Amino acid sequence: MSQIAGRLKGYYVRFRVQDVHLPDPSAVLQELHGDDVLEGRVVDLSDSGEAGGMFVVIEVRGLMRPCIVAADRLLPATKRAWSH
């Protein structure tokens, strides 16, 4: 073990989720934030397609790509979410 590594043991450090090798970064995010509620603006709807059910395309501030969520999984909106 290098001298630097030996000195790190017991210290609190900071790092980016994208730099985690194990567990998978998506598992880290799921464990930390899987129950967080996101809010966004509906920009499109899908037809039922082969999978059945309707899906909603949602723009979320801070995300580069829209989220696609099954319509039956949407939570009740707040007044703020519906104000223009």
C-alpha atoms as a PDB file:
ATOM      1  CA  MET A   1       0.000   0.000   0.000  1.00  0.00           C
ATOM      2  CA  SER A   2       1.406   3.416  -0.900  1.00  0.00           C
ATOM      3  CA  GLN A   3       2.258   5.935   1.777  1.00  0.00           C
ATOM      4  CA  ILE A   4      -0.557   8.245   0.601  1.00  0.00           C
ATOM      5  CA  ALA A   5      -3.163   5.447   0.706  1.00  0.00           C
ATOM      6  CA  GLY A   6      -2.089   4.597   4.233  1.00  0.00           C
ATOM      7  CA  ARG A   7      -2.683   8.183   5.331  1.00  0.00           C
ATOM      8  CA  LEU A   8      -6.181   8.330   3.764  1.00  0.00           C
ATOM      9  CA  LYS A   9      -7.634   5.550   5.891  1.00  0.00           C
ATOM     10  CA  GLY A  10     -10.204   7.008   8.295  1.00  0.00           C
ATOM     11  CA  TYR A  11     -10.492  10.344   6.461  1.00  0.00           C
ATOM     12  CA  TYR A  12     -13.722  11.622   4.924  1.00  0.00           C
ATOM     13  CA  VAL A  13     -13.292  12.390   1.230  1.00  0.00           C
ATOM     14  CA  ARG A  14     -15.383  13.724  -1.662  1.00  0.00           C
ATOM     15  CA  PHE A  15     -15.859  12.199  -5.114  1.00  0.00           C
ATOM     16  CA  ARG A  16     -18.251  12.227  -8.044  1.00  0.00           C
ATOM     17  CA  VAL A  17     -20.845   9.499  -8.526  1.00  0.00           C
ATOM     18  CA  GLN A  18     -19.584   9.056 -12.103  1.00  0.00           C
ATOM     19  CA  ASP A  19     -16.175   8.043 -10.721  1.00  0.00           C
ATOM     20  CA  VAL A  20     -17.491   5.141  -8.597  1.00  0.00           C
ATOM     21  CA  HIS A  21     -16.324   1.730  -9.853  1.00  0.00           C
ATOM     22  CA  LEU A  22     -18.300  -0.455  -7.426  1.00  0.00           C
ATOM     23  CA  PRO A  23     -21.207  -0.578  -6.878  1.00  0.00           C
ATOM     24  CA  ASP A  24     -22.537   0.589 -10.225  1.00  0.00           C
ATOM     25  CA  PRO A  25     -23.145   4.383 -10.177  1.00  0.00           C
ATOM     26  CA  SER A  26     -26.829   3.864 -11.019  1.00  0.00           C
ATOM     27  CA  ALA A  27     -27.162   1.638  -7.935  1.00  0.00           C
ATOM     28  CA  VAL A  28     -25.620   4.385  -5.789  1.00  0.00           C
ATOM     29  CA  LEU A  29     -28.123   6.922  -7.098  1.00  0.00           C
ATOM     30  CA  GLN A  30     -31.029   4.518  -6.676  1.00  0.00           C
ATOM     31  CA  GLU A  31     -30.097   3.840  -3.061  1.00  0.00           C
ATOM     32  CA  LEU A  32     -29.588   7.522  -2.209  1.00  0.00           C
ATOM     33  CA  HIS A  33     -32.385   9.096  -4.228  1.00  0.00           C
ATOM     34  CA  GLY A  34     -34.724   6.347  -5.455  1.00  0.00           C
ATOM     35  CA  ASP A  35     -37.654   7.746  -3.471  1.00  0.00           C
ATOM     36  CA  ASP A  36     -37.036  11.416  -4.343  1.00  0.00           C
ATOM     37  CA  VAL A  37     -39.921  13.092  -6.148  1.00  0.00           C
ATOM     38  CA  LEU A  38     -39.084  14.930  -9.372  1.00  0.00           C
ATOM     39  CA  GLU A  39     -41.174  17.653 -10.953  1.00  0.00           C
ATOM     40  CA  GLY A  40     -41.241  18.620 -14.584  1.00  0.00           C
ATOM     41  CA  ARG A  41     -43.247  19.763 -17.586  1.00  0.00           C
ATOM     42  CA  VAL A  42     -45.011  17.287 -19.872  1.00  0.00           C
ATOM     43  CA  VAL A  43     -43.724  17.804 -23.418  1.00  0.00           C
ATOM     44  CA  ASP A  44     -45.180  14.766 -25.169  1.00  0.00           C
ATOM     45  CA  LEU A  45     -47.317  11.660 -24.723  1.00  0.00           C
ATOM     46  CA  SER A  46     -46.913   8.243 -26.286  1.00  0.00           C
ATOM     47  CA  ASP A  47     -49.596   6.043 -27.691  1.00  0.00           C
ATOM     48  CA  SER A  48     -49.999   2.751 -25.929  1.00  0.00           C
ATOM     49  CA  GLY A  49     -47.732   0.904 -28.388  1.00  0.00           C
ATOM     50  CA  GLU A  50     -46.941  -2.774 -27.997  1.00  0.00           C
ATOM     51  CA  ALA A  51     -46.136  -2.513 -24.287  1.00  0.00           C
ATOM     52  CA  GLY A  52     -49.596  -1.164 -23.490  1.00  0.00           C
ATOM     53  CA  GLY A  53     -50.372   1.835 -21.341  1.00  0.00           C
ATOM     54  CA  MET A  54     -49.560   5.470 -21.971  1.00  0.00           C
ATOM     55  CA  PHE A  55     -46.164   7.041 -21.303  1.00  0.00           C
ATOM     56  CA  VAL A  56     -45.426  10.700 -20.633  1.00  0.00           C
ATOM     57  CA  VAL A  57     -42.288  12.550 -21.793  1.00  0.00           C
ATOM     58  CA  ILE A  58     -41.252  15.053 -19.114  1.00  0.00           C
ATOM     59  CA  GLU A  59     -38.626  17.810 -19.129  1.00  0.00           C
ATOM     60  CA  VAL A  60     -36.998  18.138 -15.709  1.00  0.00           C
ATOM     61  CA  ARG A  61     -34.904  21.204 -14.913  1.00  0.00           C
ATOM     62  CA  GLY A  62     -31.283  20.154 -14.430  1.00  0.00           C
ATOM     63  CA  LEU A  63     -31.488  17.010 -16.583  1.00  0.00           C
ATOM     64  CA  MET A  64     -30.102  17.046 -20.107  1.00  0.00           C
ATOM     65  CA  ARG A  65     -32.561  14.445 -21.425  1.00  0.00           C
ATOM     66  CA  PRO A  66     -36.300  14.143 -20.776  1.00  0.00           C
ATOM     67  CA  CYS A  67     -37.690  11.439 -18.520  1.00  0.00           C
ATOM     68  CA  ILE A  68     -40.238   8.931 -19.779  1.00  0.00           C
ATOM     69  CA  VAL A  69     -42.665   7.721 -17.134  1.00  0.00           C
ATOM     70  CA  ALA A  70     -45.726   5.480 -17.333  1.00  0.00           C
ATOM     71  CA  ALA A  71     -48.765   7.742 -16.972  1.00  0.00           C
ATOM     72  CA  ASP A  72     -50.232   5.555 -14.240  1.00  0.00           C
ATOM     73  CA  ARG A  73     -47.098   6.161 -12.106  1.00  0.00           C
ATOM     74  CA  LEU A  74     -47.504   9.968 -12.018  1.00  0.00           C
ATOM     75  CA  LEU A  75     -48.108  11.464  -8.585  1.00  0.00           C
ATOM     76  CA  PRO A  76     -50.769  14.101  -7.875  1.00  0.00           C
ATOM     77  CA  ALA A  77     -49.516  17.517  -8.985  1.00  0.00           C
ATOM     78  CA  THR A  78     -49.133  20.497  -6.698  1.00  0.00           C
ATOM     79  CA  LYS A  79     -50.695  23.848  -7.581  1.00  0.00           C
ATOM     80  CA  ARG A  80     -47.218  25.167  -8.378  1.00  0.00           C
ATOM     81  CA  ALA A  81     -46.656  22.378 -10.894  1.00  0.00           C
ATOM     82  CA  TRP A  82     -49.837  23.287 -12.757  1.00  0.00           C
ATOM     83  CA  SER A  83     -49.370  27.069 -12.747  1.00  0.00           C
ATOM     84  CA  HIS A  84     -48.088  28.523 -16.015  1.00  0.00           C
END
